[in-house]
Amino acid sequence: MAVKYAIIIHGWSGSPEEKPIAWLARELEASGLSVTVPRMPHPNKPTINDWVETIAKNVVDSEKTIIIGHSIGCQAVLRYLQSSKKKFSGVFLVAPWLKIKPGALNDEETKIALPWQNTPLDLSNIKKKSDSFYFFYSTNDPFVSVDDSLTLKNKIGGELHNLGEKGHISEDDGIFEWPEMLELIEKNFILR
């Protein structure tokens, strides 16, 4: 199915200017998609309601949209899908997590992450919000266990993509592009 829109949700302390996100947005626009990369509210202290509301405000036509999240952006995407009646063409989650690895966050960050970790996700409901889910993980992510991607894949379905040792798959890890995702999007969602 050809899509027209893409929404990319950055991660904690992130921005639309992060190199892999900005790169993906440019590439998708060059492929003919209308791309939205909202600046998420208070990115250093993300809250579920504010982030879910921001996603909701940026959805145009869900059936012709792919939605992409990185890290806590994945959490926000999943929580938006859970609360929405809309169905999307595809969902792409980079470094998705259910629980942060013990000891990966300082005390203040742990307090911020608690609601995200402790507010349940209805994965069986989320599963109905797209026929195509893609999970991208790194084997040496300092924050996210590989088990979280496996759990999401097993409970939601979709494709699991091991990117090797890429840390948190972010600019901080020297990752400036997400070519594996672009290739999947072009192959499966963009008619040429």
C-alpha atoms as a PDB file:
ATOM      1  CA  MET A   1       0.000   0.000   0.000  1.00  0.00           C
ATOM      2  CA  ALA A   2       1.357   3.411  -0.952  1.00  0.00           C
ATOM      3  CA  VAL A   3       1.493   5.918   1.869  1.00  0.00           C
ATOM      4  CA  LYS A   4       1.434   9.692   1.726  1.00  0.00           C
ATOM      5  CA  TYR A   5       2.470  10.694   5.228  1.00  0.00           C
ATOM      6  CA  ALA A   6       5.109   9.914   7.814  1.00  0.00           C
ATOM      7  CA  ILE A   7       5.279  11.064  11.421  1.00  0.00           C
ATOM      8  CA  ILE A   8       8.598  10.709  13.274  1.00  0.00           C
ATOM      9  CA  ILE A   9       8.665  10.987  17.076  1.00  0.00           C
ATOM     10  CA  HIS A  10      12.063  11.755  18.598  1.00  0.00           C
ATOM     11  CA  GLY A  11      13.279  10.435  21.932  1.00  0.00           C
ATOM     12  CA  TRP A  12      13.929  11.729  25.430  1.00  0.00           C
ATOM     13  CA  SER A  13      16.021  14.931  25.381  1.00  0.00           C
ATOM     14  CA  GLY A  14      15.819  14.707  21.589  1.00  0.00           C
ATOM     15  CA  SER A  15      14.667  17.007  18.832  1.00  0.00           C
ATOM     16  CA  PRO A  16      13.660  16.998  15.164  1.00  0.00           C
ATOM     17  CA  GLU A  17      17.233  18.085  14.380  1.00  0.00           C
ATOM     18  CA  GLU A  18      18.830  14.833  15.597  1.00  0.00           C
ATOM     19  CA  LYS A  19      20.903  13.550  12.693  1.00  0.00           C
ATOM     20  CA  PRO A  20      19.227  10.158  12.037  1.00  0.00           C
ATOM     21  CA  ILE A  21      15.755  11.688  12.357  1.00  0.00           C
ATOM     22  CA  ALA A  22      16.543  14.677  10.138  1.00  0.00           C
ATOM     23  CA  TRP A  23      18.203  12.337   7.615  1.00  0.00           C
ATOM     24  CA  LEU A  24      15.190  10.016   7.508  1.00  0.00           C
ATOM     25  CA  ALA A  25      12.792  12.958   7.153  1.00  0.00           C
ATOM     26  CA  ARG A  26      14.783  14.309   4.163  1.00  0.00           C
ATOM     27  CA  GLU A  27      14.949  10.885   2.506  1.00  0.00           C
ATOM     28  CA  LEU A  28      11.232  10.242   2.944  1.00  0.00           C
ATOM     29  CA  GLU A  29      10.384  13.694   1.592  1.00  0.00           C
ATOM     30  CA  ALA A  30      12.613  12.983  -1.416  1.00  0.00           C
ATOM     31  CA  SER A  31      10.542   9.817  -1.936  1.00  0.00           C
ATOM     32  CA  GLY A  32       7.386  11.923  -2.102  1.00  0.00           C
ATOM     33  CA  LEU A  33       6.002  11.652   1.436  1.00  0.00           C
ATOM     34  CA  SER A  34       4.729  14.542   3.500  1.00  0.00           C
ATOM     35  CA  VAL A  35       6.793  14.223   6.702  1.00  0.00           C
ATOM     36  CA  THR A  36       6.009  15.659  10.128  1.00  0.00           C
ATOM     37  CA  VAL A  37       8.569  15.639  12.930  1.00  0.00           C
ATOM     38  CA  PRO A  38       6.893  17.370  15.865  1.00  0.00           C
ATOM     39  CA  ARG A  39       9.028  18.965  18.548  1.00  0.00           C
ATOM     40  CA  MET A  40       7.771  17.025  21.539  1.00  0.00           C
ATOM     41  CA  PRO A  41       6.881  19.045  24.645  1.00  0.00           C
ATOM     42  CA  HIS A  42       9.458  19.389  27.426  1.00  0.00           C
ATOM     43  CA  PRO A  43      11.723  16.654  25.985  1.00  0.00           C
ATOM     44  CA  ASN A  44      13.956  16.578  29.066  1.00  0.00           C
ATOM     45  CA  LYS A  45      10.939  15.694  31.255  1.00  0.00           C
ATOM     46  CA  PRO A  46       8.596  13.802  28.936  1.00  0.00           C
ATOM     47  CA  THR A  47       5.095  13.006  30.169  1.00  0.00           C
ATOM     48  CA  ILE A  48       2.707  10.464  28.682  1.00  0.00           C
ATOM     49  CA  ASN A  49      -0.329  12.733  28.238  1.00  0.00           C
ATOM     50  CA  ASP A  50       1.553  15.618  26.627  1.00  0.00           C
ATOM     51  CA  TRP A  51       3.402  13.371  24.212  1.00  0.00           C
ATOM     52  CA  VAL A  52       0.310  11.351  23.233  1.00  0.00           C
ATOM     53  CA  GLU A  53      -1.671  14.576  22.676  1.00  0.00           C
ATOM     54  CA  THR A  54       1.112  15.960  20.480  1.00  0.00           C
ATOM     55  CA  ILE A  55       1.053  12.852  18.300  1.00  0.00           C
ATOM     56  CA  ALA A  56      -2.755  13.024  18.031  1.00  0.00           C
ATOM     57  CA  LYS A  57      -2.566  16.639  16.819  1.00  0.00           C
ATOM     58  CA  ASN A  58      -0.215  15.625  13.995  1.00  0.00           C
ATOM     59  CA  VAL A  59      -2.143  12.698  12.500  1.00  0.00           C
ATOM     60  CA  VAL A  60      -3.768  13.572   9.168  1.00  0.00           C
ATOM     61  CA  ASP A  61      -4.923  10.359   7.477  1.00  0.00           C
ATOM     62  CA  SER A  62      -3.803   7.356   9.522  1.00  0.00           C
ATOM     63  CA  GLU A  63      -4.516   4.750   6.852  1.00  0.00           C
ATOM     64  CA  LYS A  64      -2.032   6.487   4.540  1.00  0.00           C
ATOM     65  CA  THR A  65       0.514   7.158   7.296  1.00  0.00           C
ATOM     66  CA  ILE A  66       3.532   5.404   8.710  1.00  0.00           C
ATOM     67  CA  ILE A  67       4.481   6.356  12.249  1.00  0.00           C
ATOM     68  CA  ILE A  68       8.036   6.087  13.550  1.00  0.00           C
ATOM     69  CA  GLY A  69       9.371   6.389  17.088  1.00  0.00           C
ATOM     70  CA  HIS A  70      12.762   6.290  18.765  1.00  0.00           C
ATOM     71  CA  SER A  71      13.216   5.154  22.400  1.00  0.00           C
ATOM     72  CA  ILE A  72      10.654   6.965  24.572  1.00  0.00           C
ATOM     73  CA  GLY A  73       9.144   8.085  21.265  1.00  0.00           C
ATOM     74  CA  CYS A  74       8.279   4.387  20.770  1.00  0.00           C
ATOM     75  CA  GLN A  75       6.545   4.395  24.139  1.00  0.00           C
ATOM     76  CA  ALA A  76       4.607   7.518  23.093  1.00  0.00           C
ATOM     77  CA  VAL A  77       3.632   5.919  19.772  1.00  0.00           C
ATOM     78  CA  LEU A  78       2.443   2.728  21.488  1.00  0.00           C
ATOM     79  CA  ARG A  79       0.427   4.715  24.024  1.00  0.00           C
ATOM     80  CA  TYR A  80      -1.086   6.849  21.266  1.00  0.00           C
ATOM     81  CA  LEU A  81      -2.057   3.711  19.316  1.00  0.00           C
ATOM     82  CA  GLN A  82      -3.589   2.213  22.446  1.00  0.00           C
ATOM     83  CA  SER A  83      -5.836   5.260  22.980  1.00  0.00           C
ATOM     84  CA  SER A  84      -6.699   5.873  19.324  1.00  0.00           C
ATOM     85  CA  LYS A  85      -9.371   4.323  17.141  1.00  0.00           C
ATOM     86  CA  LYS A  86      -7.216   4.932  14.057  1.00  0.00           C
ATOM     87  CA  LYS A  87      -5.319   2.291  12.098  1.00  0.00           C
ATOM     88  CA  PHE A  88      -1.937   3.041  10.471  1.00  0.00           C
ATOM     89  CA  SER A  89      -0.214   1.667   7.383  1.00  0.00           C
ATOM     90  CA  GLY A  90       2.967   0.891   9.288  1.00  0.00           C
ATOM     91  CA  VAL A  91       4.621   1.351  12.688  1.00  0.00           C
ATOM     92  CA  PHE A  92       8.422   1.526  12.989  1.00  0.00           C
ATOM     93  CA  LEU A  93       9.992   1.429  16.464  1.00  0.00           C
ATOM     94  CA  VAL A  94      13.708   2.055  16.996  1.00  0.00           C
ATOM     95  CA  ALA A  95      15.149   0.988  20.379  1.00  0.00           C
ATOM     96  CA  PRO A  96      11.692   0.349  21.864  1.00  0.00           C
ATOM     97  CA  TRP A  97      11.474  -0.410  25.562  1.00  0.00           C
ATOM     98  CA  LEU A  98       9.062  -1.568  28.188  1.00  0.00           C
ATOM     99  CA  LYS A  99      11.470  -1.216  31.130  1.00  0.00           C
ATOM    100  CA  ILE A 100      14.799   0.629  31.224  1.00  0.00           C
ATOM    101  CA  LYS A 101      17.777  -1.508  32.211  1.00  0.00           C
ATOM    102  CA  PRO A 102      18.498  -1.306  35.963  1.00  0.00           C
ATOM    103  CA  GLY A 103      21.153   1.300  36.770  1.00  0.00           C
ATOM    104  CA  ALA A 104      20.977   2.972  33.335  1.00  0.00           C
ATOM    105  CA  LEU A 105      19.337   6.144  34.669  1.00  0.00           C
ATOM    106  CA  ASN A 106      20.163   8.540  37.481  1.00  0.00           C
ATOM    107  CA  ASP A 107      17.636   9.174  40.284  1.00  0.00           C
ATOM    108  CA  GLU A 108      15.907  12.115  38.561  1.00  0.00           C
ATOM    109  CA  GLU A 109      15.647  10.235  35.246  1.00  0.00           C
ATOM    110  CA  THR A 110      14.294   7.182  37.062  1.00  0.00           C
ATOM    111  CA  LYS A 111      11.449   9.308  38.508  1.00  0.00           C
ATOM    112  CA  ILE A 112      10.617  10.643  35.028  1.00  0.00           C
ATOM    113  CA  ALA A 113      10.637   7.124  33.549  1.00  0.00           C
ATOM    114  CA  LEU A 114       8.468   5.532  36.272  1.00  0.00           C
ATOM    115  CA  PRO A 115       5.044   6.458  34.801  1.00  0.00           C
ATOM    116  CA  TRP A 116       6.180   5.237  31.383  1.00  0.00           C
ATOM    117  CA  GLN A 117       7.341   1.932  32.852  1.00  0.00           C
ATOM    118  CA  ASN A 118       4.496   1.393  35.310  1.00  0.00           C
ATOM    119  CA  THR A 119       1.443   2.468  33.273  1.00  0.00           C
ATOM    120  CA  PRO A 120       0.296  -0.723  31.538  1.00  0.00           C
ATOM    121  CA  LEU A 121       0.257  -1.119  27.770  1.00  0.00           C
ATOM    122  CA  ASP A 122      -2.548  -3.139  26.170  1.00  0.00           C
ATOM    123  CA  LEU A 123      -0.461  -4.862  23.503  1.00  0.00           C
ATOM    124  CA  SER A 124      -3.387  -6.912  22.174  1.00  0.00           C
ATOM    125  CA  ASN A 125      -5.261  -3.660  21.486  1.00  0.00           C
ATOM    126  CA  ILE A 126      -2.174  -1.994  19.978  1.00  0.00           C
ATOM    127  CA  LYS A 127      -1.731  -4.986  17.654  1.00  0.00           C
ATOM    128  CA  LYS A 128      -5.016  -4.065  15.920  1.00  0.00           C
ATOM    129  CA  LYS A 129      -3.784  -0.563  15.010  1.00  0.00           C
ATOM    130  CA  SER A 130      -1.585  -1.687  12.088  1.00  0.00           C
ATOM    131  CA  ASP A 131      -0.941  -4.777  10.028  1.00  0.00           C
ATOM    132  CA  SER A 132       2.762  -3.881   9.810  1.00  0.00           C
ATOM    133  CA  PHE A 133       5.037  -3.446  12.826  1.00  0.00           C
ATOM    134  CA  TYR A 134       8.844  -3.235  12.595  1.00  0.00           C
ATOM    135  CA  PHE A 135      11.140  -3.337  15.632  1.00  0.00           C
ATOM    136  CA  PHE A 136      14.811  -2.274  15.402  1.00  0.00           C
ATOM    137  CA  TYR A 137      17.175  -3.089  18.235  1.00  0.00           C
ATOM    138  CA  SER A 138      20.873  -3.058  19.073  1.00  0.00           C
ATOM    139  CA  THR A 139      22.663  -5.849  20.912  1.00  0.00           C
ATOM    140  CA  ASN A 140      24.662  -3.429  23.098  1.00  0.00           C
ATOM    141  CA  ASP A 141      22.027  -0.817  23.936  1.00  0.00           C
ATOM    142  CA  PRO A 142      22.943   0.633  27.363  1.00  0.00           C
ATOM    143  CA  PHE A 143      19.297   1.446  28.182  1.00  0.00           C
ATOM    144  CA  VAL A 144      17.164  -1.189  26.469  1.00  0.00           C
ATOM    145  CA  SER A 145      17.148  -4.952  26.789  1.00  0.00           C
ATOM    146  CA  VAL A 146      16.883  -7.037  23.627  1.00  0.00           C
ATOM    147  CA  ASP A 147      14.114  -8.890  25.489  1.00  0.00           C
ATOM    148  CA  ASP A 148      11.816  -5.847  25.171  1.00  0.00           C
ATOM    149  CA  SER A 149      11.933  -5.985  21.359  1.00  0.00           C
ATOM    150  CA  LEU A 150      11.366  -9.748  21.480  1.00  0.00           C
ATOM    151  CA  THR A 151       8.375  -9.307  23.807  1.00  0.00           C
ATOM    152  CA  LEU A 152       6.856  -6.626  21.587  1.00  0.00           C
ATOM    153  CA  LYS A 153       7.353  -8.754  18.473  1.00  0.00           C
ATOM    154  CA  ASN A 154       5.863 -11.828  20.149  1.00  0.00           C
ATOM    155  CA  LYS A 155       2.802  -9.990  21.511  1.00  0.00           C
ATOM    156  CA  ILE A 156       2.142  -7.571  18.643  1.00  0.00           C
ATOM    157  CA  GLY A 157       3.594  -9.422  15.661  1.00  0.00           C
ATOM    158  CA  GLY A 158       5.671  -7.881  12.925  1.00  0.00           C
ATOM    159  CA  GLU A 159       9.333  -7.951  11.973  1.00  0.00           C
ATOM    160  CA  LEU A 160      12.352  -7.859  14.263  1.00  0.00           C
ATOM    161  CA  HIS A 161      15.564  -6.256  12.944  1.00  0.00           C
ATOM    162  CA  ASN A 162      18.867  -6.749  14.768  1.00  0.00           C
ATOM    163  CA  LEU A 163      21.153  -3.829  13.864  1.00  0.00           C
ATOM    164  CA  GLY A 164      24.160  -5.321  15.669  1.00  0.00           C
ATOM    165  CA  GLU A 165      26.180  -3.234  18.090  1.00  0.00           C
ATOM    166  CA  LYS A 166      24.761   0.256  17.556  1.00  0.00           C
ATOM    167  CA  GLY A 167      24.253   1.391  21.167  1.00  0.00           C
ATOM    168  CA  HIS A 168      20.948   3.238  21.539  1.00  0.00           C
ATOM    169  CA  ILE A 169      20.813   3.708  17.746  1.00  0.00           C
ATOM    170  CA  SER A 170      21.179   7.476  18.136  1.00  0.00           C
ATOM    171  CA  GLU A 171      23.426  10.349  17.183  1.00  0.00           C
ATOM    172  CA  ASP A 172      25.179   9.980  20.558  1.00  0.00           C
ATOM    173  CA  ASP A 173      26.315   6.530  19.355  1.00  0.00           C
ATOM    174  CA  GLY A 174      27.625   7.847  16.039  1.00  0.00           C
ATOM    175  CA  ILE A 175      24.491   6.771  14.158  1.00  0.00           C
ATOM    176  CA  PHE A 176      23.557   9.471  11.653  1.00  0.00           C
ATOM    177  CA  GLU A 177      21.299   7.489   9.301  1.00  0.00           C
ATOM    178  CA  TRP A 178      18.749   4.675   9.536  1.00  0.00           C
ATOM    179  CA  PRO A 179      19.194   3.049   6.097  1.00  0.00           C
ATOM    180  CA  GLU A 180      17.675  -0.291   7.117  1.00  0.00           C
ATOM    181  CA  MET A 181      14.390   1.427   7.926  1.00  0.00           C
ATOM    182  CA  LEU A 182      14.434   3.573   4.795  1.00  0.00           C
ATOM    183  CA  GLU A 183      14.919   0.480   2.643  1.00  0.00           C
ATOM    184  CA  LEU A 184      11.925  -1.257   4.263  1.00  0.00           C
ATOM    185  CA  ILE A 185       9.727   1.816   3.882  1.00  0.00           C
ATOM    186  CA  GLU A 186      10.668   2.279   0.225  1.00  0.00           C
ATOM    187  CA  LYS A 187      10.176  -1.403  -0.514  1.00  0.00           C
ATOM    188  CA  ASN A 188       6.866  -1.870   1.291  1.00  0.00           C
ATOM    189  CA  PHE A 189       5.111   1.498   1.405  1.00  0.00           C
ATOM    190  CA  ILE A 190       6.259   3.752  -1.428  1.00  0.00           C
ATOM    191  CA  LEU A 191       5.143   2.950  -4.950  1.00  0.00           C
ATOM    192  CA  ARG A 192       7.670   4.071  -7.551  1.00  0.00           C
END
